[in-house]
C-alpha atoms as a PDB file:
ATOM      1  CA  UNK A   1     -13.468  85.441 -49.470  1.00  0.00           C
ATOM      2  CA  UNK A   2     -13.124  82.559 -51.808  1.00  0.00           C
ATOM      3  CA  UNK A   3     -15.497  79.692 -51.518  1.00  0.00           C
ATOM      4  CA  UNK A   4     -13.805  76.320 -51.329  1.00  0.00           C
ATOM      5  CA  UNK A   5     -15.000  73.049 -52.514  1.00  0.00           C
ATOM      6  CA  UNK A   6     -14.136  69.567 -51.437  1.00  0.00           C
ATOM      7  CA  UNK A   7     -13.186  66.658 -53.584  1.00  0.00           C
ATOM      8  CA  UNK A   8     -14.041  63.450 -51.804  1.00  0.00           C
ATOM      9  CA  UNK A   9     -12.568  60.122 -52.538  1.00  0.00           C
ATOM     10  CA  UNK A  10     -14.238  56.741 -52.336  1.00  0.00           C
ATOM     11  CA  UNK A  11     -12.544  56.034 -49.020  1.00  0.00           C
ATOM     12  CA  UNK A  12     -14.037  59.090 -47.304  1.00  0.00           C
ATOM     13  CA  UNK A  13     -17.475  58.269 -48.657  1.00  0.00           C
ATOM     14  CA  UNK A  14     -17.173  54.717 -47.367  1.00  0.00           C
ATOM     15  CA  UNK A  15     -16.118  55.935 -43.894  1.00  0.00           C
ATOM     16  CA  UNK A  16     -18.990  58.397 -43.758  1.00  0.00           C
ATOM     17  CA  UNK A  17     -21.420  55.728 -44.862  1.00  0.00           C
ATOM     18  CA  UNK A  18     -20.073  53.306 -42.237  1.00  0.00           C
ATOM     19  CA  UNK A  19     -20.284  55.953 -39.502  1.00  0.00           C
ATOM     20  CA  UNK A  20     -23.878  56.709 -40.374  1.00  0.00           C
ATOM     21  CA  UNK A  21     -24.766  53.022 -40.733  1.00  0.00           C
ATOM     22  CA  UNK A  22     -27.489  51.661 -38.516  1.00  0.00           C
ATOM     23  CA  UNK A  23     -25.867  50.296 -35.295  1.00  0.00           C
ATOM     24  CA  UNK A  24     -28.648  47.717 -35.106  1.00  0.00           C
ATOM     25  CA  UNK A  25     -27.313  45.918 -38.178  1.00  0.00           C
ATOM     26  CA  UNK A  26     -24.939  43.001 -38.291  1.00  0.00           C
ATOM     27  CA  UNK A  27     -21.888  45.048 -37.268  1.00  0.00           C
ATOM     28  CA  UNK A  28     -23.606  46.608 -34.260  1.00  0.00           C
ATOM     29  CA  UNK A  29     -25.105  43.317 -33.162  1.00  0.00           C
ATOM     30  CA  UNK A  30     -21.771  41.511 -33.411  1.00  0.00           C
ATOM     31  CA  UNK A  31     -19.955  44.330 -31.599  1.00  0.00           C
ATOM     32  CA  UNK A  32     -22.331  44.159 -28.634  1.00  0.00           C
ATOM     33  CA  UNK A  33     -22.266  40.354 -28.675  1.00  0.00           C
ATOM     34  CA  UNK A  34     -18.468  40.337 -28.724  1.00  0.00           C
ATOM     35  CA  UNK A  35     -18.283  42.734 -25.772  1.00  0.00           C
ATOM     36  CA  UNK A  36     -20.706  40.599 -23.763  1.00  0.00           C
ATOM     37  CA  UNK A  37     -18.879  37.397 -24.687  1.00  0.00           C
ATOM     38  CA  UNK A  38     -15.534  38.905 -23.693  1.00  0.00           C
ATOM     39  CA  UNK A  39     -16.932  39.961 -20.313  1.00  0.00           C
ATOM     40  CA  UNK A  40     -18.542  36.589 -19.589  1.00  0.00           C
ATOM     41  CA  UNK A  41     -15.434  34.818 -20.875  1.00  0.00           C
ATOM     42  CA  UNK A  42     -13.262  36.807 -18.466  1.00  0.00           C
ATOM     43  CA  UNK A  43     -15.486  35.737 -15.565  1.00  0.00           C
ATOM     44  CA  UNK A  44     -15.372  32.096 -16.712  1.00  0.00           C
ATOM     45  CA  UNK A  45     -11.588  32.311 -17.032  1.00  0.00           C
ATOM     46  CA  UNK A  46     -11.319  33.655 -13.476  1.00  0.00           C
ATOM     47  CA  UNK A  47     -13.481  30.810 -12.185  1.00  0.00           C
ATOM     48  CA  UNK A  48     -11.342  28.282 -14.074  1.00  0.00           C
ATOM     49  CA  UNK A  49      -8.213  29.611 -12.404  1.00  0.00           C
ATOM     50  CA  UNK A  50      -9.831  29.718  -8.963  1.00  0.00           C
ATOM     51  CA  UNK A  51     -11.110  26.148  -9.145  1.00  0.00           C
ATOM     52  CA  UNK A  52      -7.738  24.938 -10.423  1.00  0.00           C
ATOM     53  CA  UNK A  53      -6.030  26.575  -7.438  1.00  0.00           C
ATOM     54  CA  UNK A  54      -8.590  25.038  -5.066  1.00  0.00           C
ATOM     55  CA  UNK A  55      -7.995  21.598  -6.598  1.00  0.00           C
ATOM     56  CA  UNK A  56      -4.254  22.014  -6.069  1.00  0.00           C
ATOM     57  CA  UNK A  57      -4.693  23.029  -2.445  1.00  0.00           C
ATOM     58  CA  UNK A  58      -6.979  20.075  -1.773  1.00  0.00           C
ATOM     59  CA  UNK A  59      -4.491  17.707  -3.446  1.00  0.00           C
ATOM     60  CA  UNK A  60      -1.771  19.168  -1.220  1.00  0.00           C
ATOM     61  CA  UNK A  61      -3.926  18.557   1.865  1.00  0.00           C
ATOM     62  CA  UNK A  62      -4.454  14.968   0.698  1.00  0.00           C
ATOM     63  CA  UNK A  63      -0.690  14.466   0.421  1.00  0.00           C
ATOM     64  CA  UNK A  64      -0.152  15.899   3.906  1.00  0.00           C
ATOM     65  CA  UNK A  65      -2.753  13.564   5.410  1.00  0.00           C
ATOM     66  CA  UNK A  66      -1.251  10.627   3.507  1.00  0.00           C
ATOM     67  CA  UNK A  67       2.168  11.455   4.958  1.00  0.00           C
ATOM     68  CA  UNK A  68       0.703  11.699   8.462  1.00  0.00           C
ATOM     69  CA  UNK A  69      -0.997   8.323   7.951  1.00  0.00           C
ATOM     70  CA  UNK A  70       2.306   6.838   6.790  1.00  0.00           C
ATOM     71  CA  UNK A  71       3.971   8.151   9.938  1.00  0.00           C
ATOM     72  CA  UNK A  72       1.260   6.519  12.042  1.00  0.00           C
ATOM     73  CA  UNK A  73       1.727   3.200  10.231  1.00  0.00           C
ATOM     74  CA  UNK A  74       5.465   3.409  10.893  1.00  0.00           C
ATOM     75  CA  UNK A  75       4.712   4.032  14.558  1.00  0.00           C
ATOM     76  CA  UNK A  76       2.362   1.024  14.471  1.00  0.00           C
ATOM     77  CA  UNK A  77       5.164  -1.114  13.027  1.00  0.00           C
ATOM     78  CA  UNK A  78       7.522   0.030  15.785  1.00  0.00           C
ATOM     79  CA  UNK A  79       4.978  -0.930  18.446  1.00  0.00           C
ATOM     80  CA  UNK A  80       4.511  -4.294  16.715  1.00  0.00           C
ATOM     81  CA  UNK A  81       8.241  -4.911  16.899  1.00  0.00           C
ATOM     82  CA  UNK A  82       8.282  -4.008  20.595  1.00  0.00           C
ATOM     83  CA  UNK A  83       5.268  -6.248  21.216  1.00  0.00           C
ATOM     84  CA  UNK A  84       7.021  -9.121  19.428  1.00  0.00           C
ATOM     85  CA  UNK A  85      10.159  -8.585  21.498  1.00  0.00           C
ATOM     86  CA  UNK A  86       8.117  -8.514  24.719  1.00  0.00           C
ATOM     87  CA  UNK A  87       6.362 -11.747  23.723  1.00  0.00           C
ATOM     88  CA  UNK A  88       9.722 -13.330  22.891  1.00  0.00           C
ATOM     89  CA  UNK A  89      11.130 -12.084  26.189  1.00  0.00           C
ATOM     90  CA  UNK A  90       8.221 -13.676  28.046  1.00  0.00           C
ATOM     91  CA  UNK A  91       9.158 -17.000  26.464  1.00  0.00           C
ATOM     92  CA  UNK A  92      12.869 -16.764  27.185  1.00  0.00           C
ATOM     93  CA  UNK A  93      13.050 -15.382  30.750  1.00  0.00           C
ATOM     94  CA  UNK A  94      12.636 -17.180  34.011  1.00  0.00           C
ATOM     95  CA  UNK A  95       9.037 -17.495  35.243  1.00  0.00           C
ATOM     96  CA  UNK A  96       9.474 -14.751  37.846  1.00  0.00           C
ATOM     97  CA  UNK A  97      10.027 -12.094  35.154  1.00  0.00           C
ATOM     98  CA  UNK A  98       7.377 -13.412  32.727  1.00  0.00           C
ATOM     99  CA  UNK A  99       4.498 -11.203  34.082  1.00  0.00           C
ATOM    100  CA  UNK A 100       6.484  -8.046  33.298  1.00  0.00           C
ATOM    101  CA  UNK A 101       6.981  -9.056  29.644  1.00  0.00           C
ATOM    102  CA  UNK A 102       3.355 -10.208  29.346  1.00  0.00           C
ATOM    103  CA  UNK A 103       2.108  -6.842  30.603  1.00  0.00           C
ATOM    104  CA  UNK A 104       4.447  -5.031  28.200  1.00  0.00           C
ATOM    105  CA  UNK A 105       3.126  -7.104  25.274  1.00  0.00           C
ATOM    106  CA  UNK A 106      -0.475  -6.270  26.280  1.00  0.00           C
ATOM    107  CA  UNK A 107       0.386  -2.568  26.591  1.00  0.00           C
ATOM    108  CA  UNK A 108       1.939  -2.525  23.109  1.00  0.00           C
ATOM    109  CA  UNK A 109      -1.097  -4.338  21.679  1.00  0.00           C
ATOM    110  CA  UNK A 110      -3.417  -1.708  23.187  1.00  0.00           C
ATOM    111  CA  UNK A 111      -1.241   1.149  21.892  1.00  0.00           C
ATOM    112  CA  UNK A 112      -1.188  -0.454  18.434  1.00  0.00           C
ATOM    113  CA  UNK A 113      -4.995  -0.500  18.339  1.00  0.00           C
ATOM    114  CA  UNK A 114      -5.086   3.255  19.065  1.00  0.00           C
ATOM    115  CA  UNK A 115      -2.406   3.975  16.480  1.00  0.00           C
ATOM    116  CA  UNK A 116      -4.203   1.872  13.876  1.00  0.00           C
ATOM    117  CA  UNK A 117      -7.415   3.867  14.385  1.00  0.00           C
ATOM    118  CA  UNK A 118      -5.503   7.140  13.984  1.00  0.00           C
ATOM    119  CA  UNK A 119      -3.774   5.911  10.821  1.00  0.00           C
ATOM    120  CA  UNK A 120      -7.043   4.736   9.268  1.00  0.00           C
ATOM    121  CA  UNK A 121      -8.698   8.052  10.127  1.00  0.00           C
ATOM    122  CA  UNK A 122      -5.858   9.952   8.421  1.00  0.00           C
ATOM    123  CA  UNK A 123      -6.072   7.715   5.352  1.00  0.00           C
ATOM    124  CA  UNK A 124      -9.810   8.420   5.143  1.00  0.00           C
ATOM    125  CA  UNK A 125      -9.157  12.161   5.426  1.00  0.00           C
ATOM    126  CA  UNK A 126      -6.593  11.857   2.620  1.00  0.00           C
ATOM    127  CA  UNK A 127      -9.116  10.016   0.432  1.00  0.00           C
ATOM    128  CA  UNK A 128     -11.732  12.692   1.153  1.00  0.00           C
ATOM    129  CA  UNK A 129      -9.332  15.483   0.157  1.00  0.00           C
ATOM    130  CA  UNK A 130      -8.466  13.537  -3.021  1.00  0.00           C
ATOM    131  CA  UNK A 131     -12.157  13.184  -3.929  1.00  0.00           C
ATOM    132  CA  UNK A 132     -12.794  16.888  -3.318  1.00  0.00           C
ATOM    133  CA  UNK A 133      -9.741  17.768  -5.410  1.00  0.00           C
ATOM    134  CA  UNK A 134     -10.988  15.627  -8.299  1.00  0.00           C
ATOM    135  CA  UNK A 135     -14.407  17.318  -8.134  1.00  0.00           C
ATOM    136  CA  UNK A 136     -12.771  20.767  -8.242  1.00  0.00           C
ATOM    137  CA  UNK A 137     -10.567  19.693 -11.137  1.00  0.00           C
ATOM    138  CA  UNK A 138     -13.640  18.500 -13.049  1.00  0.00           C
ATOM    139  CA  UNK A 139     -15.285  21.851 -12.393  1.00  0.00           C
ATOM    140  CA  UNK A 140     -12.090  23.602 -13.558  1.00  0.00           C
ATOM    141  CA  UNK A 141     -12.249  21.683 -16.842  1.00  0.00           C
ATOM    142  CA  UNK A 142     -15.873  22.765 -17.346  1.00  0.00           C
ATOM    143  CA  UNK A 143     -14.958  26.429 -16.773  1.00  0.00           C
ATOM    144  CA  UNK A 144     -12.030  26.074 -19.192  1.00  0.00           C
ATOM    145  CA  UNK A 145     -14.271  24.444 -21.832  1.00  0.00           C
ATOM    146  CA  UNK A 146     -16.825  27.244 -21.455  1.00  0.00           C
ATOM    147  CA  UNK A 147     -14.092  29.876 -21.788  1.00  0.00           C
ATOM    148  CA  UNK A 148     -12.739  28.182 -24.903  1.00  0.00           C
ATOM    149  CA  UNK A 149     -16.188  28.043 -26.512  1.00  0.00           C
ATOM    150  CA  UNK A 150     -16.672  31.768 -25.874  1.00  0.00           C
ATOM    151  CA  UNK A 151     -13.224  32.568 -27.287  1.00  0.00           C
ATOM    152  CA  UNK A 152     -14.088  30.604 -30.429  1.00  0.00           C
ATOM    153  CA  UNK A 153     -17.380  32.507 -30.661  1.00  0.00           C
ATOM    154  CA  UNK A 154     -15.504  35.821 -30.438  1.00  0.00           C
ATOM    155  CA  UNK A 155     -13.125  34.758 -33.221  1.00  0.00           C
ATOM    156  CA  UNK A 156     -16.077  33.627 -35.340  1.00  0.00           C
ATOM    157  CA  UNK A 157     -17.752  37.001 -34.735  1.00  0.00           C
ATOM    158  CA  UNK A 158     -14.705  38.786 -36.122  1.00  0.00           C
ATOM    159  CA  UNK A 159     -14.721  36.554 -39.194  1.00  0.00           C
ATOM    160  CA  UNK A 160     -18.471  37.020 -39.639  1.00  0.00           C
ATOM    161  CA  UNK A 161     -18.033  40.782 -39.437  1.00  0.00           C
ATOM    162  CA  UNK A 162     -15.263  40.769 -42.020  1.00  0.00           C
ATOM    163  CA  UNK A 163     -16.999  38.410 -44.430  1.00  0.00           C
ATOM    164  CA  UNK A 164     -20.561  39.604 -43.754  1.00  0.00           C
ATOM    165  CA  UNK A 165     -21.796  36.024 -43.781  1.00  0.00           C
ATOM    166  CA  UNK A 166     -25.148  35.688 -42.003  1.00  0.00           C
ATOM    167  CA  UNK A 167     -24.768  31.938 -41.504  1.00  0.00           C
ATOM    168  CA  UNK A 168     -21.502  32.594 -39.659  1.00  0.00           C
ATOM    169  CA  UNK A 169     -23.269  35.157 -37.489  1.00  0.00           C
ATOM    170  CA  UNK A 170     -25.782  32.468 -36.538  1.00  0.00           C
ATOM    171  CA  UNK A 171     -22.898  30.086 -35.794  1.00  0.00           C
ATOM    172  CA  UNK A 172     -21.534  32.726 -33.385  1.00  0.00           C
ATOM    173  CA  UNK A 173     -24.765  32.579 -31.407  1.00  0.00           C
ATOM    174  CA  UNK A 174     -24.772  28.781 -31.437  1.00  0.00           C
ATOM    175  CA  UNK A 175     -21.187  28.636 -30.150  1.00  0.00           C
ATOM    176  CA  UNK A 176     -21.995  31.330 -27.568  1.00  0.00           C
ATOM    177  CA  UNK A 177     -24.963  29.303 -26.368  1.00  0.00           C
ATOM    178  CA  UNK A 178     -22.771  26.223 -26.079  1.00  0.00           C
ATOM    179  CA  UNK A 179     -20.251  28.171 -24.004  1.00  0.00           C
ATOM    180  CA  UNK A 180     -22.981  29.482 -21.712  1.00  0.00           C
ATOM    181  CA  UNK A 181     -24.464  26.003 -21.261  1.00  0.00           C
ATOM    182  CA  UNK A 182     -21.066  24.539 -20.360  1.00  0.00           C
ATOM    183  CA  UNK A 183     -20.532  27.489 -17.981  1.00  0.00           C
ATOM    184  CA  UNK A 184     -23.864  26.689 -16.313  1.00  0.00           C
ATOM    185  CA  UNK A 185     -22.755  23.057 -15.951  1.00  0.00           C
ATOM    186  CA  UNK A 186     -19.586  24.278 -14.228  1.00  0.00           C
ATOM    187  CA  UNK A 187     -21.569  26.573 -11.951  1.00  0.00           C
ATOM    188  CA  UNK A 188     -23.887  23.756 -10.870  1.00  0.00           C
ATOM    189  CA  UNK A 189     -20.954  21.302 -10.450  1.00  0.00           C
ATOM    190  CA  UNK A 190     -22.186  18.971 -13.181  1.00  0.00           C
END
């Protein structure tokens, strides 16, 4: 049986050297960091989408309450018109019919007071939903900023790995830290 020999090129030697390279070096460290950043970034992205949806739902609730308040104010205006007509009727009719129009005017005034309270309560509910929506939207922006910082860190990690620049590797960790801090601000509603 003939013994064979192998002629190896520079490419094969480089691949073998890279495969046997210490995984604790820059490449291994950046690979693990990138995987962690991608995982945390995915969670931040989910939270950004969830808070954006919540903000939209709250804004929708605010619009519904505002519409209900508007309906109540229209009802109030209708009662005001009826009250005005009853008061005018009391002035124009003969004295025997005046008590009927006076009682109608008083009834409309009492109904208006109830309607006004309901309308003001609905307007307050609308304002509360608006405020909650704005808070959720602010939180959404924080989650989105944190996600963006982590995505930038991942891109920087790829560049650092390709260029083997240690200062860029350090910048990856700085940008990652910034993303995590902004994510913590989102989590704590700051």
